[in-house]
PDB file of N, CA and C in Angstrom:
ATOM      1  N   MET A   1       5.520   5.531   4.525  1.00  0.00           N
ATOM      2  CA  MET A   1       4.562   6.563   4.183  1.00  0.00           C
ATOM      3  C   MET A   1       4.932   7.222   2.850  1.00  0.00           C
ATOM      4  N   ARG A   2       6.252   7.490   2.662  1.00  0.00           N
ATOM      5  CA  ARG A   2       6.691   8.092   1.398  1.00  0.00           C
ATOM      6  C   ARG A   2       6.388   7.174   0.230  1.00  0.00           C
ATOM      7  N   LEU A   3       6.561   5.868   0.449  1.00  0.00           N
ATOM      8  CA  LEU A   3       6.293   4.898  -0.609  1.00  0.00           C
ATOM      9  C   LEU A   3       4.820   4.935  -0.999  1.00  0.00           C
ATOM     10  N   LEU A   4       3.919   5.020  -0.014  1.00  0.00           N
ATOM     11  CA  LEU A   4       2.488   5.085  -0.308  1.00  0.00           C
ATOM     12  C   LEU A   4       2.138   6.335  -1.106  1.00  0.00           C
ATOM     13  N   ARG A   5       2.730   7.472  -0.739  1.00  0.00           N
ATOM     14  CA  ARG A   5       2.470   8.702  -1.488  1.00  0.00           C
ATOM     15  C   ARG A   5       2.976   8.590  -2.913  1.00  0.00           C
ATOM     16  N   ARG A   6       4.170   7.980  -3.058  1.00  0.00           N
ATOM     17  CA  ARG A   6       4.753   7.823  -4.382  1.00  0.00           C
ATOM     18  C   ARG A   6       3.895   6.903  -5.254  1.00  0.00           C
ATOM     19  N   LEU A   7       3.437   5.779  -4.677  1.00  0.00           N
ATOM     20  CA  LEU A   7       2.591   4.861  -5.429  1.00  0.00           C
ATOM     21  C   LEU A   7       1.255   5.504  -5.773  1.00  0.00           C
ATOM     22  N   SER A   8       0.711   6.277  -4.847  1.00  0.00           N
ATOM     23  CA  SER A   8      -0.545   6.975  -5.103  1.00  0.00           C
ATOM     24  C   SER A   8      -0.382   7.975  -6.241  1.00  0.00           C
ATOM     25  N   ALA A   9       0.717   8.714  -6.242  1.00  0.00           N
ATOM     26  CA  ALA A   9       0.976   9.682  -7.313  1.00  0.00           C
ATOM     27  C   ALA A   9       1.143   8.964  -8.647  1.00  0.00           C
ATOM     28  N   ALA A  10       1.840   7.814  -8.639  1.00  0.00           N
ATOM     29  CA  ALA A  10       2.032   7.050  -9.871  1.00  0.00           C
ATOM     30  C   ALA A  10       0.692   6.542 -10.397  1.00  0.00           C
ATOM     31  N   ARG A  11      -0.179   6.073  -9.505  1.00  0.00           N
ATOM     32  CA  ARG A  11      -1.501   5.600  -9.935  1.00  0.00           C
ATOM     33  C   ARG A  11      -2.324   6.744 -10.515  1.00  0.00           C
ATOM     34  N   ASN A  12      -2.224   7.922  -9.927  1.00  0.00           N
ATOM     35  CA  ASN A  12      -2.943   9.077 -10.453  1.00  0.00           C
ATOM     36  C   ASN A  12      -2.459   9.414 -11.856  1.00  0.00           C
ATOM     37  N   ASP A  13      -1.140   9.305 -12.092  1.00  0.00           N
ATOM     38  CA  ASP A  13      -0.599   9.558 -13.429  1.00  0.00           C
ATOM     39  C   ASP A  13      -1.176   8.565 -14.440  1.00  0.00           C
ATOM     40  N   ILE A  14      -1.302   7.296 -14.030  1.00  0.00           N
ATOM     41  CA  ILE A  14      -1.833   6.277 -14.929  1.00  0.00           C
ATOM     42  C   ILE A  14      -3.273   6.606 -15.293  1.00  0.00           C
ATOM     43  N   LYS A  15      -4.080   6.962 -14.302  1.00  0.00           N
ATOM     44  CA  LYS A  15      -5.486   7.281 -14.563  1.00  0.00           C
ATOM     45  C   LYS A  15      -5.605   8.486 -15.486  1.00  0.00           C
ATOM     46  N   LEU A  16      -4.751   9.468 -15.287  1.00  0.00           N
ATOM     47  CA  LEU A  16      -4.834  10.680 -16.088  1.00  0.00           C
ATOM     48  C   LEU A  16      -4.399  10.456 -17.527  1.00  0.00           C
ATOM     49  N   MET A  17      -3.417   9.604 -17.754  1.00  0.00           N
ATOM     50  CA  MET A  17      -2.890   9.510 -19.105  1.00  0.00           C
ATOM     51  C   MET A  17      -3.612   8.505 -19.980  1.00  0.00           C
ATOM     52  N   LYS A  18      -4.359   7.585 -19.419  1.00  0.00           N
ATOM     53  CA  LYS A  18      -5.146   6.636 -20.199  1.00  0.00           C
ATOM     54  C   LYS A  18      -4.284   5.878 -21.199  1.00  0.00           C
ATOM     55  N   LEU A  19      -3.132   5.438 -20.777  1.00  0.00           N
ATOM     56  CA  LEU A  19      -2.201   4.720 -21.644  1.00  0.00           C
ATOM     57  C   LEU A  19      -1.740   3.463 -20.929  1.00  0.00           C
ATOM     58  N   LYS A  20      -1.945   2.316 -21.558  1.00  0.00           N
ATOM     59  CA  LYS A  20      -1.521   1.052 -20.964  1.00  0.00           C
ATOM     60  C   LYS A  20      -0.507   0.405 -21.900  1.00  0.00           C
ATOM     61  N   PRO A  21       0.715   0.201 -21.418  1.00  0.00           N
ATOM     62  CA  PRO A  21       1.724  -0.424 -22.278  1.00  0.00           C
ATOM     63  C   PRO A  21       1.404  -1.902 -22.513  1.00  0.00           C
ATOM     64  N   ILE A  22       1.884  -2.436 -23.629  1.00  0.00           N
ATOM     65  CA  ILE A  22       1.654  -3.845 -23.945  1.00  0.00           C
ATOM     66  C   ILE A  22       2.965  -4.613 -23.871  1.00  0.00           C
ATOM     67  N   HIS A  23       2.846  -5.909 -23.759  1.00  0.00           N
ATOM     68  CA  HIS A  23       3.968  -6.857 -23.705  1.00  0.00           C
ATOM     69  C   HIS A  23       4.993  -6.448 -22.644  1.00  0.00           C
ATOM     70  N   ASP A  24       6.267  -6.306 -23.019  1.00  0.00           N
ATOM     71  CA  ASP A  24       7.312  -6.006 -22.030  1.00  0.00           C
ATOM     72  C   ASP A  24       7.697  -4.524 -22.037  1.00  0.00           C
ATOM     73  N   HIS A  25       6.748  -3.661 -22.386  1.00  0.00           N
ATOM     74  CA  HIS A  25       7.005  -2.220 -22.393  1.00  0.00           C
ATOM     75  C   HIS A  25       6.573  -1.595 -21.070  1.00  0.00           C
ATOM     76  N   LEU A  26       7.201  -0.473 -20.727  1.00  0.00           N
ATOM     77  CA  LEU A  26       6.827   0.286 -19.543  1.00  0.00           C
ATOM     78  C   LEU A  26       6.735   1.755 -19.890  1.00  0.00           C
ATOM     79  N   VAL A  27       5.920   2.463 -19.126  1.00  0.00           N
ATOM     80  CA  VAL A  27       5.822   3.913 -19.241  1.00  0.00           C
ATOM     81  C   VAL A  27       6.594   4.492 -18.071  1.00  0.00           C
ATOM     82  N   VAL A  28       7.538   5.382 -18.368  1.00  0.00           N
ATOM     83  CA  VAL A  28       8.410   5.961 -17.352  1.00  0.00           C
ATOM     84  C   VAL A  28       8.303   7.478 -17.410  1.00  0.00           C
ATOM     85  N   LYS A  29       8.221   8.090 -16.248  1.00  0.00           N
ATOM     86  CA  LYS A  29       8.251   9.550 -16.155  1.00  0.00           C
ATOM     87  C   LYS A  29       9.695   9.931 -15.851  1.00  0.00           C
ATOM     88  N   PRO A  30      10.348  10.677 -16.756  1.00  0.00           N
ATOM     89  CA  PRO A  30      11.768  10.997 -16.548  1.00  0.00           C
ATOM     90  C   PRO A  30      11.990  11.838 -15.290  1.00  0.00           C
ATOM     91  N   ILE A  31      13.089  11.548 -14.626  1.00  0.00           N
ATOM     92  CA  ILE A  31      13.502  12.320 -13.459  1.00  0.00           C
ATOM     93  C   ILE A  31      14.594  13.268 -13.912  1.00  0.00           C
ATOM     94  N   THR A  32      14.328  14.555 -13.802  1.00  0.00           N
ATOM     95  CA  THR A  32      15.335  15.550 -14.149  1.00  0.00           C
ATOM     96  C   THR A  32      15.846  16.177 -12.866  1.00  0.00           C
ATOM     97  N   GLU A  33      17.128  16.334 -12.801  1.00  0.00           N
ATOM     98  CA  GLU A  33      17.742  16.906 -11.615  1.00  0.00           C
ATOM     99  C   GLU A  33      18.304  18.275 -11.964  1.00  0.00           C
ATOM    100  N   ASN A  34      18.041  19.240 -11.124  1.00  0.00           N
ATOM    101  CA  ASN A  34      18.642  20.559 -11.309  1.00  0.00           C
ATOM    102  C   ASN A  34      20.128  20.453 -11.000  1.00  0.00           C
ATOM    103  N   GLU A  35      20.923  21.012 -11.875  1.00  0.00           N
ATOM    104  CA  GLU A  35      22.364  21.003 -11.654  1.00  0.00           C
ATOM    105  C   GLU A  35      22.788  22.301 -10.994  1.00  0.00           C
ATOM    106  N   MET A  36      23.826  22.196 -10.175  1.00  0.00           N
ATOM    107  CA  MET A  36      24.347  23.385  -9.514  1.00  0.00           C
ATOM    108  C   MET A  36      25.821  23.532  -9.895  1.00  0.00           C
ATOM    109  N   THR A  37      26.198  24.740 -10.262  1.00  0.00           N
ATOM    110  CA  THR A  37      27.595  25.003 -10.594  1.00  0.00           C
ATOM    111  C   THR A  37      28.413  25.085  -9.313  1.00  0.00           C
ATOM    112  N   LYS A  38      29.736  25.118  -9.456  1.00  0.00           N
ATOM    113  CA  LYS A  38      30.618  25.207  -8.283  1.00  0.00           C
ATOM    114  C   LYS A  38      30.382  26.479  -7.483  1.00  0.00           C
ATOM    115  N   SER A  39      29.929  27.530  -8.169  1.00  0.00           N
ATOM    116  CA  SER A  39      29.695  28.802  -7.472  1.00  0.00           C
ATOM    117  C   SER A  39      28.307  28.866  -6.833  1.00  0.00           C
ATOM    118  N   GLY A  40      27.492  27.792  -6.984  1.00  0.00           N
ATOM    119  CA  GLY A  40      26.197  27.748  -6.329  1.00  0.00           C
ATOM    120  C   GLY A  40      25.028  28.185  -7.179  1.00  0.00           C
ATOM    121  N   ILE A  41      25.244  28.403  -8.473  1.00  0.00           N
ATOM    122  CA  ILE A  41      24.159  28.807  -9.358  1.00  0.00           C
ATOM    123  C   ILE A  41      23.422  27.547  -9.821  1.00  0.00           C
ATOM    124  N   VAL A  42      22.098  27.532  -9.642  1.00  0.00           N
ATOM    125  CA  VAL A  42      21.293  26.395 -10.063  1.00  0.00           C
ATOM    126  C   VAL A  42      20.914  26.581 -11.523  1.00  0.00           C
ATOM    127  N   LEU A  43      21.249  25.583 -12.339  1.00  0.00           N
ATOM    128  CA  LEU A  43      20.911  25.612 -13.763  1.00  0.00           C
ATOM    129  C   LEU A  43      19.513  25.040 -13.944  1.00  0.00           C
ATOM    130  N   PRO A  44      18.593  25.775 -14.534  1.00  0.00           N
ATOM    131  CA  PRO A  44      17.223  25.275 -14.702  1.00  0.00           C
ATOM    132  C   PRO A  44      17.147  24.199 -15.777  1.00  0.00           C
ATOM    133  N   ASP A  45      15.977  23.558 -15.862  1.00  0.00           N
ATOM    134  CA  ASP A  45      15.763  22.494 -16.841  1.00  0.00           C
ATOM    135  C   ASP A  45      15.812  23.001 -18.270  1.00  0.00           C
ATOM    136  N   THR A  46      15.692  24.307 -18.480  1.00  0.00           N
ATOM    137  CA  THR A  46      15.670  24.842 -19.836  1.00  0.00           C
ATOM    138  C   THR A  46      17.052  24.869 -20.477  1.00  0.00           C
ATOM    139  N   VAL A  47      18.097  24.711 -19.677  1.00  0.00           N
ATOM    140  CA  VAL A  47      19.456  24.669 -20.215  1.00  0.00           C
ATOM    141  C   VAL A  47      19.618  23.369 -20.987  1.00  0.00           C
ATOM    142  N   ASP A  48      20.261  23.444 -22.158  1.00  0.00           N
ATOM    143  CA  ASP A  48      20.460  22.268 -22.999  1.00  0.00           C
ATOM    144  C   ASP A  48      21.215  21.204 -22.210  1.00  0.00           C
ATOM    145  N   LYS A  49      20.573  20.058 -22.015  1.00  0.00           N
ATOM    146  CA  LYS A  49      21.157  18.978 -21.225  1.00  0.00           C
ATOM    147  C   LYS A  49      21.124  17.679 -22.011  1.00  0.00           C
ATOM    148  N   GLU A  50      21.787  16.695 -21.440  1.00  0.00           N
ATOM    149  CA  GLU A  50      21.743  15.345 -21.986  1.00  0.00           C
ATOM    150  C   GLU A  50      20.352  14.762 -21.760  1.00  0.00           C
ATOM    151  N   LYS A  51      20.045  13.701 -22.493  1.00  0.00           N
ATOM    152  CA  LYS A  51      18.779  13.013 -22.280  1.00  0.00           C
ATOM    153  C   LYS A  51      18.790  12.369 -20.895  1.00  0.00           C
ATOM    154  N   PRO A  52      17.620  12.264 -20.249  1.00  0.00           N
ATOM    155  CA  PRO A  52      17.576  11.648 -18.919  1.00  0.00           C
ATOM    156  C   PRO A  52      17.888  10.156 -19.001  1.00  0.00           C
ATOM    157  N   GLU A  53      18.476   9.650 -17.939  1.00  0.00           N
ATOM    158  CA  GLU A  53      18.793   8.229 -17.855  1.00  0.00           C
ATOM    159  C   GLU A  53      18.114   7.585 -16.654  1.00  0.00           C
ATOM    160  N   LYS A  54      17.322   8.364 -15.926  1.00  0.00           N
ATOM    161  CA  LYS A  54      16.609   7.847 -14.760  1.00  0.00           C
ATOM    162  C   LYS A  54      15.151   8.227 -14.875  1.00  0.00           C
ATOM    163  N   GLY A  55      14.297   7.417 -14.267  1.00  0.00           N
ATOM    164  CA  GLY A  55      12.883   7.733 -14.279  1.00  0.00           C
ATOM    165  C   GLY A  55      12.106   6.883 -13.302  1.00  0.00           C
ATOM    166  N   GLU A  56      10.844   7.260 -13.117  1.00  0.00           N
ATOM    167  CA  GLU A  56       9.952   6.510 -12.237  1.00  0.00           C
ATOM    168  C   GLU A  56       8.944   5.766 -13.098  1.00  0.00           C
ATOM    169  N   VAL A  57       8.774   4.479 -12.815  1.00  0.00           N
ATOM    170  CA  VAL A  57       7.856   3.642 -13.579  1.00  0.00           C
ATOM    171  C   VAL A  57       6.424   4.040 -13.244  1.00  0.00           C
ATOM    172  N   ILE A  58       5.658   4.377 -14.265  1.00  0.00           N
ATOM    173  CA  ILE A  58       4.273   4.810 -14.108  1.00  0.00           C
ATOM    174  C   ILE A  58       3.306   3.677 -14.450  1.00  0.00           C
ATOM    175  N   ALA A  59       3.648   2.859 -15.442  1.00  0.00           N
ATOM    176  CA  ALA A  59       2.787   1.742 -15.845  1.00  0.00           C
ATOM    177  C   ALA A  59       3.651   0.642 -16.456  1.00  0.00           C
ATOM    178  N   VAL A  60       3.252  -0.607 -16.275  1.00  0.00           N
ATOM    179  CA  VAL A  60       3.986  -1.746 -16.837  1.00  0.00           C
ATOM    180  C   VAL A  60       3.042  -2.607 -17.666  1.00  0.00           C
ATOM    181  N   GLY A  61       3.605  -3.233 -18.687  1.00  0.00           N
ATOM    182  CA  GLY A  61       2.829  -4.154 -19.509  1.00  0.00           C
ATOM    183  C   GLY A  61       2.669  -5.494 -18.816  1.00  0.00           C
ATOM    184  N   GLU A  62       2.048  -6.428 -19.527  1.00  0.00           N
ATOM    185  CA  GLU A  62       1.759  -7.744 -18.941  1.00  0.00           C
ATOM    186  C   GLU A  62       2.978  -8.652 -18.894  1.00  0.00           C
ATOM    187  N   GLY A  63       4.005  -8.360 -19.661  1.00  0.00           N
ATOM    188  CA  GLY A  63       5.196  -9.197 -19.722  1.00  0.00           C
ATOM    189  C   GLY A  63       5.390  -9.731 -21.129  1.00  0.00           C
ATOM    190  N   LYS A  64       6.603 -10.157 -21.402  1.00  0.00           N
ATOM    191  CA  LYS A  64       6.946 -10.665 -22.734  1.00  0.00           C
ATOM    192  C   LYS A  64       6.253 -11.999 -22.984  1.00  0.00           C
ATOM    193  N   LEU A  65       5.717 -12.165 -24.188  1.00  0.00           N
ATOM    194  CA  LEU A  65       5.063 -13.405 -24.576  1.00  0.00           C
ATOM    195  C   LEU A  65       6.141 -14.409 -24.997  1.00  0.00           C
ATOM    196  N   LEU A  66       6.191 -15.526 -24.306  1.00  0.00           N
ATOM    197  CA  LEU A  66       7.193 -16.557 -24.575  1.00  0.00           C
ATOM    198  C   LEU A  66       6.728 -17.482 -25.700  1.00  0.00           C
ATOM    199  N   ASP A  67       7.654 -18.294 -26.221  1.00  0.00           N
ATOM    200  CA  ASP A  67       7.340 -19.212 -27.313  1.00  0.00           C
ATOM    201  C   ASP A  67       6.273 -20.232 -26.934  1.00  0.00           C
ATOM    202  N   ASN A  68       6.203 -20.593 -25.647  1.00  0.00           N
ATOM    203  CA  ASN A  68       5.222 -21.587 -25.201  1.00  0.00           C
ATOM    204  C   ASN A  68       3.844 -20.973 -24.924  1.00  0.00           C
ATOM    205  N   GLY A  69       3.677 -19.668 -25.192  1.00  0.00           N
ATOM    206  CA  GLY A  69       2.392 -19.011 -25.018  1.00  0.00           C
ATOM    207  C   GLY A  69       2.174 -18.370 -23.667  1.00  0.00           C
ATOM    208  N   GLN A  70       3.100 -18.579 -22.728  1.00  0.00           N
ATOM    209  CA  GLN A  70       2.970 -17.966 -21.407  1.00  0.00           C
ATOM    210  C   GLN A  70       3.673 -16.619 -21.387  1.00  0.00           C
ATOM    211  N   ARG A  71       3.414 -15.847 -20.356  1.00  0.00           N
ATOM    212  CA  ARG A  71       4.039 -14.524 -20.207  1.00  0.00           C
ATOM    213  C   ARG A  71       5.133 -14.579 -19.150  1.00  0.00           C
ATOM    214  N   ALA A  72       6.251 -13.934 -19.461  1.00  0.00           N
ATOM    215  CA  ALA A  72       7.336 -13.798 -18.480  1.00  0.00           C
ATOM    216  C   ALA A  72       6.961 -12.661 -17.538  1.00  0.00           C
ATOM    217  N   ALA A  73       7.143 -12.873 -16.249  1.00  0.00           N
ATOM    218  CA  ALA A  73       6.792 -11.850 -15.263  1.00  0.00           C
ATOM    219  C   ALA A  73       7.740 -10.662 -15.404  1.00  0.00           C
ATOM    220  N   MET A  74       7.202  -9.465 -15.211  1.00  0.00           N
ATOM    221  CA  MET A  74       8.013  -8.249 -15.271  1.00  0.00           C
ATOM    222  C   MET A  74       8.823  -8.135 -13.975  1.00  0.00           C
ATOM    223  N   SER A  75      10.064  -7.680 -14.091  1.00  0.00           N
ATOM    224  CA  SER A  75      10.923  -7.554 -12.908  1.00  0.00           C
ATOM    225  C   SER A  75      10.835  -6.169 -12.274  1.00  0.00           C
ATOM    226  N   VAL A  76      10.111  -5.243 -12.893  1.00  0.00           N
ATOM    227  CA  VAL A  76       9.903  -3.910 -12.311  1.00  0.00           C
ATOM    228  C   VAL A  76       8.420  -3.718 -12.059  1.00  0.00           C
ATOM    229  N   LYS A  77       8.105  -2.812 -11.131  1.00  0.00           N
ATOM    230  CA  LYS A  77       6.703  -2.543 -10.817  1.00  0.00           C
ATOM    231  C   LYS A  77       6.477  -1.043 -10.760  1.00  0.00           C
ATOM    232  N   VAL A  78       5.226  -0.642 -10.729  1.00  0.00           N
ATOM    233  CA  VAL A  78       4.862   0.765 -10.662  1.00  0.00           C
ATOM    234  C   VAL A  78       5.463   1.377  -9.401  1.00  0.00           C
ATOM    235  N   GLY A  79       6.079   2.540  -9.565  1.00  0.00           N
ATOM    236  CA  GLY A  79       6.695   3.237  -8.434  1.00  0.00           C
ATOM    237  C   GLY A  79       8.197   3.034  -8.333  1.00  0.00           C
ATOM    238  N   ASP A  80       8.748   2.017  -9.019  1.00  0.00           N
ATOM    239  CA  ASP A  80      10.198   1.797  -9.001  1.00  0.00           C
ATOM    240  C   ASP A  80      10.899   2.941  -9.719  1.00  0.00           C
ATOM    241  N   LYS A  81      12.063   3.317  -9.205  1.00  0.00           N
ATOM    242  CA  LYS A  81      12.922   4.267  -9.907  1.00  0.00           C
ATOM    243  C   LYS A  81      13.995   3.452 -10.609  1.00  0.00           C
ATOM    244  N   VAL A  82      14.155   3.685 -11.910  1.00  0.00           N
ATOM    245  CA  VAL A  82      15.031   2.851 -12.718  1.00  0.00           C
ATOM    246  C   VAL A  82      16.046   3.685 -13.484  1.00  0.00           C
ATOM    247  N   MET A  83      17.150   3.031 -13.852  1.00  0.00           N
ATOM    248  CA  MET A  83      18.139   3.604 -14.763  1.00  0.00           C
ATOM    249  C   MET A  83      17.997   2.841 -16.073  1.00  0.00           C
ATOM    250  N   PHE A  84      18.106   3.569 -17.187  1.00  0.00           N
ATOM    251  CA  PHE A  84      17.932   2.941 -18.489  1.00  0.00           C
ATOM    252  C   PHE A  84      18.950   3.486 -19.476  1.00  0.00           C
ATOM    253  N   LYS A  85      19.048   2.819 -20.617  1.00  0.00           N
ATOM    254  CA  LYS A  85      19.969   3.254 -21.665  1.00  0.00           C
ATOM    255  C   LYS A  85      19.559   4.618 -22.177  1.00  0.00           C
ATOM    256  N   LYS A  86      20.527   5.463 -22.426  1.00  0.00           N
ATOM    257  CA  LYS A  86      20.281   6.867 -22.751  1.00  0.00           C
ATOM    258  C   LYS A  86      19.430   7.072 -24.004  1.00  0.00           C
ATOM    259  N   TYR A  87      19.689   6.347 -25.062  1.00  0.00           N
ATOM    260  CA  TYR A  87      19.010   6.606 -26.327  1.00  0.00           C
ATOM    261  C   TYR A  87      17.963   5.555 -26.678  1.00  0.00           C
ATOM    262  N   SER A  88      17.584   4.709 -25.738  1.00  0.00           N
ATOM    263  CA  SER A  88      16.620   3.653 -26.033  1.00  0.00           C
ATOM    264  C   SER A  88      15.156   4.063 -25.950  1.00  0.00           C
ATOM    265  N   PRO A  89      14.760   5.000 -25.068  1.00  0.00           N
ATOM    266  CA  PRO A  89      13.316   5.255 -24.933  1.00  0.00           C
ATOM    267  C   PRO A  89      12.717   6.050 -26.093  1.00  0.00           C
ATOM    268  N   ASP A  90      11.431   5.803 -26.311  1.00  0.00           N
ATOM    269  CA  ASP A  90      10.640   6.606 -27.236  1.00  0.00           C
ATOM    270  C   ASP A  90       9.925   7.663 -26.408  1.00  0.00           C
ATOM    271  N   GLU A  91      10.009   8.910 -26.834  1.00  0.00           N
ATOM    272  CA  GLU A  91       9.402  10.010 -26.088  1.00  0.00           C
ATOM    273  C   GLU A  91       7.987  10.257 -26.581  1.00  0.00           C
ATOM    274  N   ILE A  92       7.058  10.420 -25.629  1.00  0.00           N
ATOM    275  CA  ILE A  92       5.682  10.763 -25.973  1.00  0.00           C
ATOM    276  C   ILE A  92       5.210  11.863 -25.028  1.00  0.00           C
ATOM    277  N   LYS A  93       4.189  12.582 -25.447  1.00  0.00           N
ATOM    278  CA  LYS A  93       3.564  13.592 -24.586  1.00  0.00           C
ATOM    279  C   LYS A  93       2.094  13.260 -24.483  1.00  0.00           C
ATOM    280  N   VAL A  94       1.598  13.214 -23.260  1.00  0.00           N
ATOM    281  CA  VAL A  94       0.187  12.969 -23.006  1.00  0.00           C
ATOM    282  C   VAL A  94      -0.301  14.092 -22.107  1.00  0.00           C
ATOM    283  N   ASP A  95      -1.275  14.829 -22.572  1.00  0.00           N
ATOM    284  CA  ASP A  95      -1.822  15.962 -21.821  1.00  0.00           C
ATOM    285  C   ASP A  95      -0.728  16.943 -21.395  1.00  0.00           C
ATOM    286  N   GLY A  96       0.263  17.143 -22.264  1.00  0.00           N
ATOM    287  CA  GLY A  96       1.322  18.104 -21.998  1.00  0.00           C
ATOM    288  C   GLY A  96       2.436  17.606 -21.100  1.00  0.00           C
ATOM    289  N   VAL A  97       2.372  16.357 -20.651  1.00  0.00           N
ATOM    290  CA  VAL A  97       3.407  15.793 -19.778  1.00  0.00           C
ATOM    291  C   VAL A  97       4.234  14.805 -20.586  1.00  0.00           C
ATOM    292  N   GLU A  98       5.559  14.890 -20.449  1.00  0.00           N
ATOM    293  CA  GLU A  98       6.453  14.013 -21.200  1.00  0.00           C
ATOM    294  C   GLU A  98       6.647  12.688 -20.482  1.00  0.00           C
ATOM    295  N   TYR A  99       6.482  11.584 -21.227  1.00  0.00           N
ATOM    296  CA  TYR A  99       6.715  10.243 -20.721  1.00  0.00           C
ATOM    297  C   TYR A  99       7.642   9.529 -21.684  1.00  0.00           C
ATOM    298  N   LEU A 100       8.221   8.441 -21.226  1.00  0.00           N
ATOM    299  CA  LEU A 100       9.098   7.623 -22.050  1.00  0.00           C
ATOM    300  C   LEU A 100       8.536   6.208 -22.106  1.00  0.00           C
ATOM    301  N   ILE A 101       8.586   5.587 -23.267  1.00  0.00           N
ATOM    302  CA  ILE A 101       8.201   4.187 -23.423  1.00  0.00           C
ATOM    303  C   ILE A 101       9.497   3.394 -23.589  1.00  0.00           C
ATOM    304  N   ILE A 102       9.684   2.410 -22.720  1.00  0.00           N
ATOM    305  CA  ILE A 102      10.929   1.641 -22.688  1.00  0.00           C
ATOM    306  C   ILE A 102      10.585   0.155 -22.628  1.00  0.00           C
ATOM    307  N   THR A 103      11.406  -0.676 -23.259  1.00  0.00           N
ATOM    308  CA  THR A 103      11.242  -2.110 -23.086  1.00  0.00           C
ATOM    309  C   THR A 103      11.992  -2.547 -21.842  1.00  0.00           C
ATOM    310  N   GLU A 104      11.549  -3.614 -21.238  1.00  0.00           N
ATOM    311  CA  GLU A 104      12.179  -4.093 -20.012  1.00  0.00           C
ATOM    312  C   GLU A 104      13.658  -4.404 -20.229  1.00  0.00           C
ATOM    313  N   GLY A 105      14.016  -4.834 -21.405  1.00  0.00           N
ATOM    314  CA  GLY A 105      15.408  -5.163 -21.710  1.00  0.00           C
ATOM    315  C   GLY A 105      16.342  -3.968 -21.696  1.00  0.00           C
ATOM    316  N   ASP A 106      15.790  -2.747 -21.820  1.00  0.00           N
ATOM    317  CA  ASP A 106      16.603  -1.534 -21.810  1.00  0.00           C
ATOM    318  C   ASP A 106      16.801  -0.968 -20.410  1.00  0.00           C
ATOM    319  N   ILE A 107      16.185  -1.586 -19.414  1.00  0.00           N
ATOM    320  CA  ILE A 107      16.372  -1.167 -18.020  1.00  0.00           C
ATOM    321  C   ILE A 107      17.706  -1.727 -17.535  1.00  0.00           C
ATOM    322  N   LEU A 108      18.554  -0.853 -17.020  1.00  0.00           N
ATOM    323  CA  LEU A 108      19.866  -1.282 -16.533  1.00  0.00           C
ATOM    324  C   LEU A 108      19.828  -1.689 -15.064  1.00  0.00           C
ATOM    325  N   GLY A 109      18.928  -1.071 -14.293  1.00  0.00           N
ATOM    326  CA  GLY A 109      18.842  -1.403 -12.873  1.00  0.00           C
ATOM    327  C   GLY A 109      17.753  -0.628 -12.184  1.00  0.00           C
ATOM    328  N   ILE A 110      17.403  -1.089 -10.984  1.00  0.00           N
ATOM    329  CA  ILE A 110      16.405  -0.432 -10.149  1.00  0.00           C
ATOM    330  C   ILE A 110      17.147   0.307  -9.045  1.00  0.00           C
ATOM    331  N   LEU A 111      16.845   1.600  -8.889  1.00  0.00           N
ATOM    332  CA  LEU A 111      17.483   2.400  -7.851  1.00  0.00           C
ATOM    333  C   LEU A 111      16.770   2.186  -6.521  1.00  0.00           C
ATOM    334  N   GLU A 112      17.527   2.005  -5.470  1.00  0.00           N
ATOM    335  CA  GLU A 112      16.928   1.798  -4.141  1.00  0.00           C
ATOM    336  C   GLU A 112      17.191   2.967  -3.251  1.00  0.00           C
TER     337      GLU A 112
END
């Protein structure tokens, strides 16, 4: 049930942003985690932090175009939570929401 809600939310994001990645690119919504100090104080997102390294895939391209003219299948799908290289994504804002554009090669793994 949680998976269906997550996929539904991801599809709604795609419809709202009107952005379709091409080739082996993906659109990722960064996952930010609130940090808590040892004394129990929650640090908000406004505190200067490192760039995010995790995100949820919102849209995927068709796949990389191979030399023989065929497309390589993408190994990630909409709704997957992924880890990626810290400085590889391009940041964009669509309707006030921040998204990241990443190539499939910059994905380090899929979180389960």
